[in-house]
Amino acid sequence: MNELVQRLTKEQEVEASLRPEPRLDLFKAAIDRNYVHIRFTQTKGGTELGVRMDTSACDLTAGDFDKGTGKVKIVGGLILNYVRVRCHAEIDLKTLKGRGRLEIIEEVTPAQLAKERAERANGA
């Protein structure tokens, strides 16, 4: 199993990664697109992951985007270094920082990824 993926399975500090600057409205726009960038800050240089949100597993009800208060729970999947993972992050809307970890789902091969991409491209 990949060493970076293993390290990121332990709960640690994360932040919403936003450009050009960390702002609540940009975070809300990313959530509305169901695709957010979460940065694990405790790796060399930080590890930024693009997370396709699983809206049924996320919880946005404890956050008030108008007031910038509360915390939201972001859950979603991605593939990191040929390992399919699920990212779990809780982000404080005031600071856009919080805690997060990865959950390992399965290892995948380059051939599996190519097949999945081809199937998606063909609408299968």
Protein backbone atom coordinates (compact mmCIF):
# COMPACT_ATOMS: atom_id res chain seq x y z
CA MET A 1 0.00 0.00 0.00
CA ASN A 2 1.24 3.49 -0.83
CA GLU A 3 2.98 5.23 2.10
CA LEU A 4 1.35 8.64 1.52
CA VAL A 5 -2.10 7.10 1.42
CA GLN A 6 -1.35 5.24 4.66
CA ARG A 7 -0.24 8.47 6.37
CA LEU A 8 -3.41 10.27 5.30
CA THR A 9 -5.64 7.62 6.90
CA LYS A 10 -4.80 9.10 10.30
CA GLU A 11 -6.96 12.06 11.30
CA GLN A 12 -5.06 15.32 10.90
CA GLU A 13 -5.33 19.01 10.08
CA VAL A 14 -6.90 19.95 6.75
CA GLU A 15 -8.11 23.10 5.06
CA ALA A 16 -10.32 24.00 2.14
CA SER A 17 -7.97 24.81 -0.70
CA LEU A 18 -9.34 27.74 -2.69
CA ARG A 19 -8.05 30.04 -5.38
CA PRO A 20 -7.26 32.82 -5.78
CA GLU A 21 -7.69 33.12 -2.01
CA PRO A 22 -9.44 31.29 0.83
CA ARG A 23 -12.93 32.81 0.94
CA LEU A 24 -16.20 31.39 2.16
CA ASP A 25 -18.06 32.28 -1.06
CA LEU A 26 -15.51 30.29 -3.09
CA PHE A 27 -15.91 27.31 -0.77
CA LYS A 28 -19.70 27.50 -1.10
CA ALA A 29 -19.39 27.63 -4.90
CA ALA A 30 -17.20 24.52 -4.83
CA ILE A 31 -19.75 22.72 -2.64
CA ASP A 32 -22.52 23.74 -5.04
CA ARG A 33 -20.49 22.07 -7.84
CA ASN A 34 -20.09 18.96 -5.64
CA TYR A 35 -16.32 19.12 -6.10
CA VAL A 36 -14.01 20.57 -3.45
CA HIS A 37 -10.26 20.69 -2.92
CA ILE A 38 -9.09 19.58 0.51
CA ARG A 39 -5.46 20.17 1.54
CA PHE A 40 -3.81 17.94 4.12
CA THR A 41 -1.38 20.38 5.70
CA GLN A 42 0.88 18.00 7.63
CA THR A 43 2.72 16.51 4.65
CA LYS A 44 5.78 18.05 3.00
CA GLY A 45 4.38 21.01 1.10
CA GLY A 46 0.83 19.84 1.81
CA THR A 47 -1.21 17.35 -0.17
CA GLU A 48 -4.14 18.82 -2.08
CA LEU A 49 -6.88 16.44 -3.19
CA GLY A 50 -9.81 17.06 -5.50
CA VAL A 51 -12.83 15.41 -3.89
CA ARG A 52 -15.99 14.53 -5.81
CA MET A 53 -18.58 14.90 -3.06
CA ASP A 54 -20.95 12.10 -2.12
CA THR A 55 -23.87 14.37 -1.28
CA SER A 56 -25.77 11.61 0.53
CA ALA A 57 -22.85 11.20 2.99
CA CYS A 58 -22.10 14.91 3.48
CA ASP A 59 -23.70 17.00 6.22
CA LEU A 60 -23.99 20.71 5.55
CA THR A 61 -26.82 21.35 8.03
CA ALA A 62 -24.59 22.48 10.93
CA GLY A 63 -23.04 25.27 8.87
CA ASP A 64 -24.49 28.71 8.23
CA PHE A 65 -22.90 30.03 5.04
CA ASP A 66 -24.60 33.43 5.38
CA LYS A 67 -23.06 34.04 8.80
CA GLY A 68 -19.87 32.04 8.23
CA THR A 69 -20.40 29.93 11.32
CA GLY A 70 -20.58 26.25 12.13
CA LYS A 71 -18.94 23.22 10.60
CA VAL A 72 -19.72 21.15 7.53
CA LYS A 73 -18.88 17.51 6.91
CA ILE A 74 -17.48 16.76 3.47
CA VAL A 75 -17.30 13.16 2.25
CA GLY A 76 -16.30 12.04 -1.20
CA GLY A 77 -14.17 9.78 -3.30
CA LEU A 78 -11.04 9.96 -5.39
CA ILE A 79 -8.08 7.88 -6.49
CA LEU A 80 -4.69 8.71 -5.00
CA ASN A 81 -1.58 6.86 -6.19
CA TYR A 82 -3.67 3.96 -7.55
CA VAL A 83 -5.67 3.62 -4.36
CA ARG A 84 -9.40 4.33 -4.36
CA VAL A 85 -10.15 6.30 -1.19
CA ARG A 86 -12.94 8.21 0.49
CA CYS A 87 -12.06 11.55 2.05
CA HIS A 88 -13.75 12.56 5.31
CA ALA A 89 -13.28 16.19 6.36
CA GLU A 90 -14.98 18.50 8.82
CA ILE A 91 -14.42 22.15 7.91
CA ASP A 92 -15.11 25.16 10.16
CA LEU A 93 -16.76 27.84 8.02
CA LYS A 94 -15.14 30.67 9.97
CA THR A 95 -11.54 29.52 9.38
CA LEU A 96 -12.01 27.11 6.43
CA LYS A 97 -9.83 24.69 8.40
CA GLY A 98 -10.58 21.50 10.24
CA ARG A 99 -9.77 17.81 10.59
CA GLY A 100 -9.81 15.04 8.04
CA ARG A 101 -8.63 11.62 6.99
CA LEU A 102 -8.77 9.16 4.13
CA GLU A 103 -10.55 5.81 4.20
CA ILE A 104 -9.00 3.17 1.96
CA ILE A 105 -11.47 1.44 -0.35
CA GLU A 106 -9.26 -0.60 -2.70
CA GLU A 107 -6.09 -0.59 -4.75
CA VAL A 108 -6.58 -0.26 -8.50
CA THR A 109 -4.33 -0.96 -11.46
CA PRO A 110 -3.60 1.38 -14.34
CA ALA A 111 -5.51 -1.05 -16.60
CA GLN A 112 -8.59 -0.84 -14.35
CA LEU A 113 -8.45 2.97 -14.41
CA ALA A 114 -8.13 3.03 -18.20
CA LYS A 115 -11.12 0.71 -18.55
CA GLU A 116 -13.25 2.82 -16.16
CA ARG A 117 -12.35 6.01 -18.02
CA ALA A 118 -13.21 4.44 -21.37
CA GLU A 119 -16.56 3.24 -20.02
CA ARG A 120 -17.38 6.73 -18.68
CA ALA A 121 -16.39 8.31 -22.00
CA ASN A 122 -18.69 5.91 -23.85
CA GLY A 123 -21.56 6.58 -21.47
CA ALA A 124 -21.59 3.07 -20.06
